[in-house]
Amino acid sequence: MDQSRGESHARIGSAVELSRDECWQLLSTQQVGRVAYVGDDGPRIVPVNYVLREGHVEFRTTSYSELATHAPGHPVAFEVDELDTAHHAGWSVVVTGRCERAMDEFNTVFSSPTEQSATPWAGGRRPMVLRIEVGHVSGRHVGETGWHHPEPRRS
């Protein structure tokens, strides 16, 4: 404990590389991630609600959004994390791959929300489903070695 400032500091551990299975398990525990893509004015990062489906990351947007305009057909990055600032611990998982418009059985990119759809926290109609065709998954954990992984969320 730092008596001069009245703060306690947890022991800081080293970064540990996560296995691919651990990364997928951690991806399944969250609802919000960030998509990085390149727009007209350079790199952009936007938060999205997402679901994992058939080895892809899927999220909904509007057809006129910058994300819908610039991401499909291009490589993107997707990041999810969880931090415990009190214990100086946390994890981060990064997915990279090509973003595509998800097509339904009628060969359209617009689909009605289903139980398995990501429900955007932002208001308004978001009928376009974008999918990241995962090329690479990596992750790291930092902090106490005893810090547990969260449980997968239930639909």
Protein backbone atom coordinates (compact mmCIF):
# COMPACT_ATOMS: atom_id res chain seq x y z
CA MET A 1 0.00 0.00 0.00
CA ASP A 2 1.30 3.43 -0.95
CA GLN A 3 0.82 5.16 2.41
CA SER A 4 1.56 8.61 0.99
CA ARG A 5 -1.40 8.47 -1.40
CA GLY A 6 -3.59 5.93 0.41
CA GLU A 7 -3.74 3.61 -2.62
CA SER A 8 -3.21 -0.11 -2.84
CA HIS A 9 -1.71 -1.61 -5.97
CA ALA A 10 -2.31 -5.18 -7.05
CA ARG A 11 0.65 -7.17 -8.18
CA ILE A 12 1.06 -6.60 -11.91
CA GLY A 13 1.59 -9.78 -13.90
CA SER A 14 3.06 -10.27 -17.33
CA ALA A 15 1.07 -10.59 -20.52
CA VAL A 16 0.10 -14.14 -21.49
CA GLU A 17 -0.81 -15.19 -25.01
CA LEU A 18 -4.22 -16.88 -25.19
CA SER A 19 -4.93 -19.99 -27.25
CA ARG A 20 -7.36 -19.80 -30.18
CA ASP A 21 -9.94 -21.76 -28.15
CA GLU A 22 -9.58 -19.37 -25.20
CA CYS A 23 -10.03 -16.42 -27.56
CA TRP A 24 -13.26 -17.85 -29.00
CA GLN A 25 -14.52 -18.65 -25.51
CA LEU A 26 -13.88 -15.06 -24.40
CA LEU A 27 -15.51 -13.64 -27.55
CA SER A 28 -18.64 -15.56 -26.55
CA THR A 29 -18.85 -13.75 -23.20
CA GLN A 30 -19.44 -10.23 -24.49
CA GLN A 31 -22.10 -8.32 -26.43
CA VAL A 32 -20.16 -5.27 -27.58
CA GLY A 33 -16.93 -5.05 -29.55
CA ARG A 34 -15.19 -2.51 -31.76
CA VAL A 35 -14.75 -2.72 -35.53
CA ALA A 36 -11.76 -0.95 -37.08
CA TYR A 37 -11.95 -0.12 -40.78
CA VAL A 38 -10.62 2.53 -43.16
CA GLY A 39 -13.03 5.25 -44.29
CA ASP A 40 -12.53 8.25 -46.58
CA ASP A 41 -10.84 10.20 -43.77
CA GLY A 42 -8.61 7.35 -42.60
CA PRO A 43 -8.94 4.72 -39.88
CA ARG A 44 -12.18 4.54 -37.89
CA ILE A 45 -13.21 2.46 -34.87
CA VAL A 46 -16.87 2.02 -33.99
CA PRO A 47 -18.60 0.01 -31.26
CA VAL A 48 -21.09 -2.63 -32.37
CA ASN A 49 -23.31 -5.24 -30.75
CA TYR A 50 -22.36 -8.61 -32.20
CA VAL A 51 -23.03 -12.32 -32.24
CA LEU A 52 -20.84 -15.27 -33.19
CA ARG A 53 -22.37 -17.43 -35.89
CA GLU A 54 -20.77 -20.34 -37.76
CA GLY A 55 -17.24 -19.13 -37.01
CA HIS A 56 -17.94 -15.53 -38.06
CA VAL A 57 -18.53 -12.29 -36.19
CA GLU A 58 -21.85 -10.69 -37.23
CA PHE A 59 -23.30 -7.28 -36.45
CA ARG A 60 -26.10 -5.07 -37.74
CA THR A 61 -25.93 -1.57 -39.20
CA THR A 62 -27.83 0.77 -41.49
CA SER A 63 -27.23 0.58 -45.22
CA TYR A 64 -26.11 4.23 -45.29
CA SER A 65 -23.61 4.10 -42.41
CA GLU A 66 -19.90 4.68 -42.95
CA LEU A 67 -19.34 1.13 -41.75
CA ALA A 68 -21.69 -0.29 -44.42
CA THR A 69 -20.13 1.93 -47.07
CA HIS A 70 -16.45 1.30 -46.39
CA ALA A 71 -16.00 -2.05 -44.60
CA PRO A 72 -17.55 -4.66 -46.99
CA GLY A 73 -14.99 -6.18 -49.31
CA HIS A 74 -12.06 -4.99 -47.20
CA PRO A 75 -9.97 -6.28 -44.29
CA VAL A 76 -11.11 -5.13 -40.86
CA ALA A 77 -10.14 -5.69 -37.26
CA PHE A 78 -12.53 -6.47 -34.42
CA GLU A 79 -11.59 -6.16 -30.77
CA VAL A 80 -13.28 -7.22 -27.53
CA ASP A 81 -11.90 -6.86 -24.05
CA GLU A 82 -12.70 -6.88 -20.38
CA LEU A 83 -10.72 -4.94 -17.80
CA ASP A 84 -10.49 -5.06 -14.03
CA THR A 85 -8.83 -1.76 -13.19
CA ALA A 86 -8.87 -2.43 -9.43
CA HIS A 87 -6.69 -5.52 -9.89
CA HIS A 88 -4.74 -4.34 -12.96
CA ALA A 89 -5.99 -7.37 -14.87
CA GLY A 90 -7.82 -7.97 -18.09
CA TRP A 91 -7.88 -9.56 -21.48
CA SER A 92 -8.19 -8.52 -25.08
CA VAL A 93 -9.08 -10.56 -28.17
CA VAL A 94 -8.52 -9.28 -31.72
CA VAL A 95 -10.06 -10.82 -34.82
CA THR A 96 -8.91 -9.84 -38.29
CA GLY A 97 -10.51 -10.79 -41.55
CA ARG A 98 -12.49 -9.65 -44.53
CA CYS A 99 -15.84 -7.94 -43.94
CA GLU A 100 -18.73 -8.97 -46.19
CA ARG A 101 -22.43 -8.36 -46.37
CA ALA A 102 -24.23 -11.40 -44.98
CA MET A 103 -26.68 -12.80 -47.51
CA ASP A 104 -29.90 -14.56 -46.56
CA GLU A 105 -31.70 -17.35 -48.41
CA PHE A 106 -33.16 -14.77 -50.81
CA ASN A 107 -29.68 -13.49 -51.68
CA THR A 108 -30.29 -10.15 -50.01
CA VAL A 109 -28.19 -8.36 -47.41
CA PHE A 110 -31.22 -7.08 -45.56
CA SER A 111 -32.79 -9.45 -43.11
CA SER A 112 -35.32 -9.40 -40.36
CA PRO A 113 -33.94 -9.64 -36.84
CA THR A 114 -33.95 -13.16 -35.44
CA GLU A 115 -33.39 -14.50 -31.95
CA GLN A 116 -29.75 -15.01 -32.85
CA SER A 117 -29.28 -11.50 -34.29
CA ALA A 118 -27.23 -8.94 -32.46
CA THR A 119 -29.68 -6.40 -31.08
CA PRO A 120 -28.08 -2.96 -31.45
CA TRP A 121 -28.19 -0.76 -28.37
CA ALA A 122 -28.41 2.26 -30.66
CA GLY A 123 -31.96 3.09 -31.66
CA GLY A 124 -33.39 2.89 -35.13
CA ARG A 125 -33.72 0.21 -37.76
CA ARG A 126 -30.48 -1.59 -38.67
CA PRO A 127 -31.41 -4.20 -41.25
CA MET A 128 -27.98 -4.76 -42.85
CA VAL A 129 -25.98 -7.65 -41.45
CA LEU A 130 -22.22 -7.49 -41.89
CA ARG A 131 -20.00 -10.50 -41.26
CA ILE A 132 -16.31 -10.77 -40.58
CA GLU A 133 -14.85 -13.83 -42.26
CA VAL A 134 -12.29 -14.59 -39.58
CA GLY A 135 -8.75 -14.96 -40.83
CA HIS A 136 -6.79 -14.60 -37.60
CA VAL A 137 -7.67 -14.60 -33.90
CA SER A 138 -5.26 -13.60 -31.15
CA GLY A 139 -5.54 -12.56 -27.55
CA ARG A 140 -3.67 -11.69 -24.43
CA HIS A 141 -4.36 -11.76 -20.72
CA VAL A 142 -2.54 -9.56 -18.24
CA GLY A 143 -2.62 -9.45 -14.48
CA GLU A 144 -2.91 -11.97 -11.70
CA THR A 145 -2.58 -15.53 -12.89
CA GLY A 146 -5.63 -16.54 -10.86
CA TRP A 147 -7.97 -14.16 -12.69
CA HIS A 148 -10.80 -16.26 -14.07
CA HIS A 149 -12.38 -16.17 -17.50
CA PRO A 150 -15.99 -14.98 -17.59
CA GLU A 151 -18.78 -17.41 -18.46
CA PRO A 152 -20.24 -17.39 -22.00
CA ARG A 153 -23.41 -15.33 -22.23
CA ARG A 154 -26.65 -17.18 -22.68
CA SER A 155 -29.09 -16.26 -25.49
